[in-house]
Amino acid sequence: MAEYTRAQIVRRIATTGHLRLAGSDLAGLDLSGLTLVEADLSYADLTRADLTEAQLPASSLWSARAAGARFRNANLSGANLGLADLSDADLRGAILERADLTGARLDRADLSDARLRGAWLDTMQRALAMGAPPLRYPVRRPPVTHILRAGQIVEPVTLRCGDRLEVHLDSLTEAAVRHPDLARVEGAPILAGPELPQALAGPPFVLTFRAIAPGRGRLVLKAGADGPSVGLEVLVSP
């Protein structure tokens, strides 16, 4: 049973302006027609939820479980759907322009009349979905720089090859920043770095990484030899 009712969701939006329900159980919930711009529904359970005609531009559904969900005519432009389970989902007429569907499951998902200009959808995903348009390469865009500050380091990050990731750290000493074990990537070799500035003028210390290959990994930052470590998931698409 869903953790929230539709009325509670509406009150949250009216109070805060944005919906932040990462990891929540919203299975079967009626969210049709709601304005959920830039909502954070990453890791949420949206199984069989109704999001018909919902407004979800620039929202995060990273790793969401949305099997059988209804997104008919929903606006998902610029949304992050990386690793989401959209099997059997109804995406007819959905706006998915510039959406990131890297690694998403689309088995038997219905994409009839969906708008996919600039979206990332690979050949295998198209083969598993119904009504997907012919293969087109996504619109190329110049590399961009993503900036993460201390409070955002635990959040997943999605990059494209060539993008730069800047991590701004306030609490490290200069010695810790120079430590060889400060940063490592677990999993696929998707990032190069960190690059350090020639002169460290004090906090915030900025570590710069560059996305060099598609794949999924975990960036682990360690505050010196004995300091605590923090990690975040990074997904790099072509």
C-alpha atoms as a PDB file:
ATOM      1  CA  MET A   1       0.000   0.000   0.000  1.00  0.00           C
ATOM      2  CA  ALA A   2       1.300   3.463  -0.875  1.00  0.00           C
ATOM      3  CA  GLU A   3       2.779   5.538   1.937  1.00  0.00           C
ATOM      4  CA  TYR A   4       0.905   8.660   0.821  1.00  0.00           C
ATOM      5  CA  THR A   5      -2.504   9.566  -0.504  1.00  0.00           C
ATOM      6  CA  ARG A   6      -3.053  11.829  -3.498  1.00  0.00           C
ATOM      7  CA  ALA A   7      -4.288  14.568  -1.142  1.00  0.00           C
ATOM      8  CA  GLN A   8      -1.065  14.381   0.891  1.00  0.00           C
ATOM      9  CA  ILE A   9       1.024  14.649  -2.279  1.00  0.00           C
ATOM     10  CA  VAL A  10      -0.950  17.714  -3.385  1.00  0.00           C
ATOM     11  CA  ARG A  11      -0.415  19.350   0.035  1.00  0.00           C
ATOM     12  CA  ARG A  12       3.328  18.669  -0.128  1.00  0.00           C
ATOM     13  CA  ILE A  13       3.583  20.319  -3.531  1.00  0.00           C
ATOM     14  CA  ALA A  14       1.530  23.312  -2.366  1.00  0.00           C
ATOM     15  CA  THR A  15       3.679  23.709   0.759  1.00  0.00           C
ATOM     16  CA  THR A  16       7.205  23.158  -0.574  1.00  0.00           C
ATOM     17  CA  GLY A  17       6.843  23.754  -4.306  1.00  0.00           C
ATOM     18  CA  HIS A  18       8.753  20.552  -5.116  1.00  0.00           C
ATOM     19  CA  LEU A  19       8.188  16.889  -4.424  1.00  0.00           C
ATOM     20  CA  ARG A  20      11.053  15.062  -2.694  1.00  0.00           C
ATOM     21  CA  LEU A  21      10.004  11.439  -2.181  1.00  0.00           C
ATOM     22  CA  ALA A  22      13.106   9.433  -3.104  1.00  0.00           C
ATOM     23  CA  GLY A  23      12.694   5.784  -2.149  1.00  0.00           C
ATOM     24  CA  SER A  24       9.012   6.148  -1.196  1.00  0.00           C
ATOM     25  CA  ASP A  25       6.303   3.560  -1.807  1.00  0.00           C
ATOM     26  CA  LEU A  26       3.858   5.128  -4.272  1.00  0.00           C
ATOM     27  CA  ALA A  27       2.711   1.877  -5.857  1.00  0.00           C
ATOM     28  CA  GLY A  28      -0.734   2.114  -7.442  1.00  0.00           C
ATOM     29  CA  LEU A  29      -1.155   5.779  -6.479  1.00  0.00           C
ATOM     30  CA  ASP A  30      -3.208   8.107  -8.676  1.00  0.00           C
ATOM     31  CA  LEU A  31      -0.899  11.003  -9.608  1.00  0.00           C
ATOM     32  CA  SER A  32      -2.575  11.722 -12.928  1.00  0.00           C
ATOM     33  CA  GLY A  33      -2.524  15.319 -14.124  1.00  0.00           C
ATOM     34  CA  LEU A  34      -0.351  16.598 -11.256  1.00  0.00           C
ATOM     35  CA  THR A  35       2.426  19.146 -11.794  1.00  0.00           C
ATOM     36  CA  LEU A  36       5.593  17.463 -10.503  1.00  0.00           C
ATOM     37  CA  VAL A  37       8.291  19.601 -12.106  1.00  0.00           C
ATOM     38  CA  GLU A  38      11.803  18.651 -10.903  1.00  0.00           C
ATOM     39  CA  ALA A  39      10.361  16.047  -8.547  1.00  0.00           C
ATOM     40  CA  ASP A  40      12.776  13.604  -6.917  1.00  0.00           C
ATOM     41  CA  LEU A  41      11.247  10.133  -7.262  1.00  0.00           C
ATOM     42  CA  SER A  42      14.541   8.267  -7.549  1.00  0.00           C
ATOM     43  CA  TYR A  43      14.368   4.708  -6.168  1.00  0.00           C
ATOM     44  CA  ALA A  44      10.619   5.170  -5.575  1.00  0.00           C
ATOM     45  CA  ASP A  45       8.149   2.336  -6.092  1.00  0.00           C
ATOM     46  CA  LEU A  46       5.732   3.521  -8.790  1.00  0.00           C
ATOM     47  CA  THR A  47       4.515   0.071  -9.777  1.00  0.00           C
ATOM     48  CA  ARG A  48       1.157   0.434 -11.565  1.00  0.00           C
ATOM     49  CA  ALA A  49       0.935   4.097 -10.504  1.00  0.00           C
ATOM     50  CA  ASP A  50      -1.157   6.388 -12.696  1.00  0.00           C
ATOM     51  CA  LEU A  51       0.820   9.381 -13.974  1.00  0.00           C
ATOM     52  CA  THR A  52      -1.345  10.011 -17.019  1.00  0.00           C
ATOM     53  CA  GLU A  53      -0.798  13.584 -18.286  1.00  0.00           C
ATOM     54  CA  ALA A  54       1.404  14.388 -15.264  1.00  0.00           C
ATOM     55  CA  GLN A  55       3.970  17.173 -15.678  1.00  0.00           C
ATOM     56  CA  LEU A  56       7.399  15.710 -14.803  1.00  0.00           C
ATOM     57  CA  PRO A  57       9.983  17.762 -16.758  1.00  0.00           C
ATOM     58  CA  ALA A  58      13.518  17.642 -15.341  1.00  0.00           C
ATOM     59  CA  SER A  59      12.408  15.141 -12.692  1.00  0.00           C
ATOM     60  CA  SER A  60      14.513  12.274 -11.366  1.00  0.00           C
ATOM     61  CA  LEU A  61      13.142   8.749 -11.611  1.00  0.00           C
ATOM     62  CA  TRP A  62      16.598   7.218 -11.305  1.00  0.00           C
ATOM     63  CA  SER A  63      16.259   3.489 -10.484  1.00  0.00           C
ATOM     64  CA  ALA A  64      12.507   3.903  -9.912  1.00  0.00           C
ATOM     65  CA  ARG A  65      10.357   0.776 -10.048  1.00  0.00           C
ATOM     66  CA  ALA A  66       7.580   1.718 -12.446  1.00  0.00           C
ATOM     67  CA  ALA A  67       6.553  -1.585 -14.015  1.00  0.00           C
ATOM     68  CA  GLY A  68       3.043  -1.297 -15.409  1.00  0.00           C
ATOM     69  CA  ALA A  69       2.854   2.418 -14.588  1.00  0.00           C
ATOM     70  CA  ARG A  70       0.753   4.681 -16.800  1.00  0.00           C
ATOM     71  CA  PHE A  71       2.586   7.685 -18.262  1.00  0.00           C
ATOM     72  CA  ARG A  72       0.251   8.266 -21.190  1.00  0.00           C
ATOM     73  CA  ASN A  73       0.682  11.848 -22.518  1.00  0.00           C
ATOM     74  CA  ALA A  74       2.905  12.676 -19.524  1.00  0.00           C
ATOM     75  CA  ASN A  75       5.607  15.324 -19.905  1.00  0.00           C
ATOM     76  CA  LEU A  76       8.972  13.708 -19.043  1.00  0.00           C
ATOM     77  CA  SER A  77      11.165  16.084 -21.049  1.00  0.00           C
ATOM     78  CA  GLY A  78      14.680  16.231 -19.648  1.00  0.00           C
ATOM     79  CA  ALA A  79      13.828  13.647 -16.975  1.00  0.00           C
ATOM     80  CA  ASN A  80      16.407  11.239 -15.586  1.00  0.00           C
ATOM     81  CA  LEU A  81      15.051   7.700 -15.991  1.00  0.00           C
ATOM     82  CA  GLY A  82      18.414   5.955 -15.772  1.00  0.00           C
ATOM     83  CA  LEU A  83      18.129   2.329 -14.571  1.00  0.00           C
ATOM     84  CA  ALA A  84      14.364   2.708 -14.058  1.00  0.00           C
ATOM     85  CA  ASP A  85      12.160  -0.363 -14.510  1.00  0.00           C
ATOM     86  CA  LEU A  86       9.560   0.699 -17.074  1.00  0.00           C
ATOM     87  CA  SER A  87       8.604  -2.775 -18.231  1.00  0.00           C
ATOM     88  CA  ASP A  88       4.964  -2.965 -19.369  1.00  0.00           C
ATOM     89  CA  ALA A  89       4.630   0.799 -18.790  1.00  0.00           C
ATOM     90  CA  ASP A  90       2.173   2.803 -20.883  1.00  0.00           C
ATOM     91  CA  LEU A  91       4.200   5.641 -22.415  1.00  0.00           C
ATOM     92  CA  ARG A  92       1.910   6.328 -25.359  1.00  0.00           C
ATOM     93  CA  GLY A  93       2.140   9.957 -26.398  1.00  0.00           C
ATOM     94  CA  ALA A  94       4.601  10.752 -23.615  1.00  0.00           C
ATOM     95  CA  ILE A  95       7.061  13.604 -24.123  1.00  0.00           C
ATOM     96  CA  LEU A  96      10.524  12.117 -23.549  1.00  0.00           C
ATOM     97  CA  GLU A  97      12.582  14.723 -25.377  1.00  0.00           C
ATOM     98  CA  ARG A  98      16.126  14.945 -23.946  1.00  0.00           C
ATOM     99  CA  ALA A  99      15.221  12.318 -21.349  1.00  0.00           C
ATOM    100  CA  ASP A 100      17.983  10.006 -20.139  1.00  0.00           C
ATOM    101  CA  LEU A 101      16.840   6.375 -20.349  1.00  0.00           C
ATOM    102  CA  THR A 102      20.308   4.873 -19.981  1.00  0.00           C
ATOM    103  CA  GLY A 103      19.973   1.341 -18.655  1.00  0.00           C
ATOM    104  CA  ALA A 104      16.176   1.596 -18.250  1.00  0.00           C
ATOM    105  CA  ARG A 105      14.115  -1.577 -18.697  1.00  0.00           C
ATOM    106  CA  LEU A 106      11.549  -1.123 -21.456  1.00  0.00           C
ATOM    107  CA  ASP A 107      10.379  -4.706 -21.962  1.00  0.00           C
ATOM    108  CA  ARG A 108       6.931  -4.482 -23.586  1.00  0.00           C
ATOM    109  CA  ALA A 109       6.648  -0.777 -22.728  1.00  0.00           C
ATOM    110  CA  ASP A 110       4.359   1.004 -25.191  1.00  0.00           C
ATOM    111  CA  LEU A 111       6.095   4.013 -26.760  1.00  0.00           C
ATOM    112  CA  SER A 112       3.552   4.558 -29.538  1.00  0.00           C
ATOM    113  CA  ASP A 113       3.468   8.240 -30.552  1.00  0.00           C
ATOM    114  CA  ALA A 114       6.000   9.128 -27.836  1.00  0.00           C
ATOM    115  CA  ARG A 115       8.247  12.105 -28.591  1.00  0.00           C
ATOM    116  CA  LEU A 116      11.870  11.027 -28.178  1.00  0.00           C
ATOM    117  CA  ARG A 117      13.913  13.763 -29.847  1.00  0.00           C
ATOM    118  CA  GLY A 118      17.287  13.982 -28.087  1.00  0.00           C
ATOM    119  CA  ALA A 119      16.474  11.100 -25.710  1.00  0.00           C
ATOM    120  CA  TRP A 120      18.983   8.331 -25.117  1.00  0.00           C
ATOM    121  CA  LEU A 121      17.420   5.021 -26.155  1.00  0.00           C
ATOM    122  CA  ASP A 122      19.674   2.264 -27.440  1.00  0.00           C
ATOM    123  CA  THR A 123      18.949  -0.402 -30.037  1.00  0.00           C
ATOM    124  CA  MET A 124      18.194  -3.163 -27.515  1.00  0.00           C
ATOM    125  CA  GLN A 125      15.731  -0.993 -25.601  1.00  0.00           C
ATOM    126  CA  ARG A 126      13.905  -0.188 -28.838  1.00  0.00           C
ATOM    127  CA  ALA A 127      13.748  -3.881 -29.707  1.00  0.00           C
ATOM    128  CA  LEU A 128      12.117  -4.684 -26.356  1.00  0.00           C
ATOM    129  CA  ALA A 129       9.614  -1.814 -26.447  1.00  0.00           C
ATOM    130  CA  MET A 130       6.477  -1.512 -28.570  1.00  0.00           C
ATOM    131  CA  GLY A 131       5.850   1.366 -30.937  1.00  0.00           C
ATOM    132  CA  ALA A 132       9.345   2.845 -30.591  1.00  0.00           C
ATOM    133  CA  PRO A 133      10.324   5.042 -33.551  1.00  0.00           C
ATOM    134  CA  PRO A 134      13.248   4.087 -35.822  1.00  0.00           C
ATOM    135  CA  LEU A 135      16.701   4.458 -34.340  1.00  0.00           C
ATOM    136  CA  ARG A 136      17.943   8.024 -34.334  1.00  0.00           C
ATOM    137  CA  TYR A 137      21.047   9.267 -32.683  1.00  0.00           C
ATOM    138  CA  PRO A 138      20.417  11.764 -29.882  1.00  0.00           C
ATOM    139  CA  VAL A 139      21.104  15.423 -30.500  1.00  0.00           C
ATOM    140  CA  ARG A 140      24.709  16.154 -29.581  1.00  0.00           C
ATOM    141  CA  ARG A 141      25.337  18.810 -26.999  1.00  0.00           C
ATOM    142  CA  PRO A 142      28.594  20.330 -25.795  1.00  0.00           C
ATOM    143  CA  PRO A 143      30.143  18.940 -22.597  1.00  0.00           C
ATOM    144  CA  VAL A 144      28.794  20.485 -19.417  1.00  0.00           C
ATOM    145  CA  THR A 145      30.175  20.883 -15.898  1.00  0.00           C
ATOM    146  CA  HIS A 146      28.222  19.412 -12.974  1.00  0.00           C
ATOM    147  CA  ILE A 147      28.975  20.883  -9.554  1.00  0.00           C
ATOM    148  CA  LEU A 148      28.435  18.934  -6.335  1.00  0.00           C
ATOM    149  CA  ARG A 149      28.741  20.608  -2.960  1.00  0.00           C
ATOM    150  CA  ALA A 150      29.198  18.900   0.400  1.00  0.00           C
ATOM    151  CA  GLY A 151      25.501  18.239   1.062  1.00  0.00           C
ATOM    152  CA  GLN A 152      24.957  16.698  -2.373  1.00  0.00           C
ATOM    153  CA  ILE A 153      27.760  14.128  -2.372  1.00  0.00           C
ATOM    154  CA  VAL A 154      25.429  11.228  -1.496  1.00  0.00           C
ATOM    155  CA  GLU A 155      23.090  11.892  -4.447  1.00  0.00           C
ATOM    156  CA  PRO A 156      23.419   9.876  -7.704  1.00  0.00           C
ATOM    157  CA  VAL A 157      24.999  11.709 -10.624  1.00  0.00           C
ATOM    158  CA  THR A 158      24.343  11.175 -14.318  1.00  0.00           C
ATOM    159  CA  LEU A 159      26.952  12.374 -16.818  1.00  0.00           C
ATOM    160  CA  ARG A 160      27.641  12.027 -20.511  1.00  0.00           C
ATOM    161  CA  CYS A 161      31.057  11.267 -21.933  1.00  0.00           C
ATOM    162  CA  GLY A 162      33.120  14.443 -21.963  1.00  0.00           C
ATOM    163  CA  ASP A 163      31.245  16.079 -19.077  1.00  0.00           C
ATOM    164  CA  ARG A 164      33.170  17.414 -16.094  1.00  0.00           C
ATOM    165  CA  LEU A 165      32.258  16.799 -12.459  1.00  0.00           C
ATOM    166  CA  GLU A 166      33.413  19.300  -9.848  1.00  0.00           C
ATOM    167  CA  VAL A 167      33.238  18.240  -6.192  1.00  0.00           C
ATOM    168  CA  HIS A 168      33.465  21.189  -3.785  1.00  0.00           C
ATOM    169  CA  LEU A 169      34.710  20.165  -0.318  1.00  0.00           C
ATOM    170  CA  ASP A 170      34.757  22.519   2.669  1.00  0.00           C
ATOM    171  CA  SER A 171      36.112  20.404   5.512  1.00  0.00           C
ATOM    172  CA  LEU A 172      39.370  18.951   4.149  1.00  0.00           C
ATOM    173  CA  THR A 173      42.847  20.100   5.027  1.00  0.00           C
ATOM    174  CA  GLU A 174      45.331  20.822   2.270  1.00  0.00           C
ATOM    175  CA  ALA A 175      47.258  17.682   3.296  1.00  0.00           C
ATOM    176  CA  ALA A 176      44.105  15.565   2.924  1.00  0.00           C
ATOM    177  CA  VAL A 177      43.413  17.002  -0.526  1.00  0.00           C
ATOM    178  CA  ARG A 178      46.934  16.017  -1.605  1.00  0.00           C
ATOM    179  CA  HIS A 179      46.629  12.486  -0.165  1.00  0.00           C
ATOM    180  CA  PRO A 180      46.946   9.759  -2.861  1.00  0.00           C
ATOM    181  CA  ASP A 181      43.942   7.838  -1.478  1.00  0.00           C
ATOM    182  CA  LEU A 182      41.635  10.847  -1.586  1.00  0.00           C
ATOM    183  CA  ALA A 183      39.491   9.566  -4.469  1.00  0.00           C
ATOM    184  CA  ARG A 184      38.915   6.292  -6.288  1.00  0.00           C
ATOM    185  CA  VAL A 185      36.326   4.859  -8.655  1.00  0.00           C
ATOM    186  CA  GLU A 186      34.865   1.435  -7.900  1.00  0.00           C
ATOM    187  CA  GLY A 187      33.336  -0.513 -10.765  1.00  0.00           C
ATOM    188  CA  ALA A 188      33.803   0.574 -14.369  1.00  0.00           C
ATOM    189  CA  PRO A 189      36.653   3.011 -15.200  1.00  0.00           C
ATOM    190  CA  ILE A 190      34.287   5.831 -16.103  1.00  0.00           C
ATOM    191  CA  LEU A 191      36.092   8.869 -14.659  1.00  0.00           C
ATOM    192  CA  ALA A 192      39.515  10.440 -15.024  1.00  0.00           C
ATOM    193  CA  GLY A 193      40.896  12.478 -12.141  1.00  0.00           C
ATOM    194  CA  PRO A 194      40.838  14.061  -9.745  1.00  0.00           C
ATOM    195  CA  GLU A 195      42.458  17.146 -11.192  1.00  0.00           C
ATOM    196  CA  LEU A 196      43.666  19.545  -8.506  1.00  0.00           C
ATOM    197  CA  PRO A 197      44.265  23.278  -8.905  1.00  0.00           C
ATOM    198  CA  GLN A 198      47.885  24.384  -9.053  1.00  0.00           C
ATOM    199  CA  ALA A 199      47.423  26.453  -5.904  1.00  0.00           C
ATOM    200  CA  LEU A 200      45.102  25.477  -3.071  1.00  0.00           C
ATOM    201  CA  ALA A 201      43.796  28.732  -1.644  1.00  0.00           C
ATOM    202  CA  GLY A 202      41.661  27.070   1.022  1.00  0.00           C
ATOM    203  CA  PRO A 203      38.083  25.852   1.261  1.00  0.00           C
ATOM    204  CA  PRO A 204      36.164  25.049  -0.704  1.00  0.00           C
ATOM    205  CA  PHE A 205      38.668  22.640  -2.249  1.00  0.00           C
ATOM    206  CA  VAL A 206      37.604  21.693  -5.769  1.00  0.00           C
ATOM    207  CA  LEU A 207      38.267  18.225  -7.193  1.00  0.00           C
ATOM    208  CA  THR A 208      37.583  17.914 -10.919  1.00  0.00           C
ATOM    209  CA  PHE A 209      36.801  14.661 -12.729  1.00  0.00           C
ATOM    210  CA  ARG A 210      36.077  14.017 -16.408  1.00  0.00           C
ATOM    211  CA  ALA A 211      33.684  11.371 -17.728  1.00  0.00           C
ATOM    212  CA  ILE A 212      35.711   9.266 -20.144  1.00  0.00           C
ATOM    213  CA  ALA A 213      33.694   6.086 -20.801  1.00  0.00           C
ATOM    214  CA  PRO A 214      30.092   4.844 -20.546  1.00  0.00           C
ATOM    215  CA  GLY A 215      29.250   2.700 -17.557  1.00  0.00           C
ATOM    216  CA  ARG A 216      28.262   2.693 -13.921  1.00  0.00           C
ATOM    217  CA  GLY A 217      30.586   3.128 -10.976  1.00  0.00           C
ATOM    218  CA  ARG A 218      30.926   4.502  -7.486  1.00  0.00           C
ATOM    219  CA  LEU A 219      33.102   7.498  -6.691  1.00  0.00           C
ATOM    220  CA  VAL A 220      34.577   7.161  -3.203  1.00  0.00           C
ATOM    221  CA  LEU A 221      36.164  10.172  -1.516  1.00  0.00           C
ATOM    222  CA  LYS A 222      38.349   9.666   1.544  1.00  0.00           C
ATOM    223  CA  ALA A 223      39.491  12.448   3.866  1.00  0.00           C
ATOM    224  CA  GLY A 224      43.135  11.425   4.200  1.00  0.00           C
ATOM    225  CA  ALA A 225      44.624   8.159   5.447  1.00  0.00           C
ATOM    226  CA  ASP A 226      42.385   7.781   8.512  1.00  0.00           C
ATOM    227  CA  GLY A 227      39.448   9.999   7.639  1.00  0.00           C
ATOM    228  CA  PRO A 228      35.899   8.846   6.864  1.00  0.00           C
ATOM    229  CA  SER A 229      34.887   8.073   3.290  1.00  0.00           C
ATOM    230  CA  VAL A 230      31.751   8.970   1.379  1.00  0.00           C
ATOM    231  CA  GLY A 231      30.545   7.567  -1.917  1.00  0.00           C
ATOM    232  CA  LEU A 232      28.086   8.366  -4.652  1.00  0.00           C
ATOM    233  CA  GLU A 233      26.778   6.464  -7.648  1.00  0.00           C
ATOM    234  CA  VAL A 234      27.843   7.787 -11.057  1.00  0.00           C
ATOM    235  CA  LEU A 235      26.289   6.725 -14.353  1.00  0.00           C
ATOM    236  CA  VAL A 236      27.976   7.812 -17.590  1.00  0.00           C
ATOM    237  CA  SER A 237      26.141   7.523 -20.900  1.00  0.00           C
ATOM    238  CA  PRO A 238      27.689   7.894 -24.366  1.00  0.00           C
END
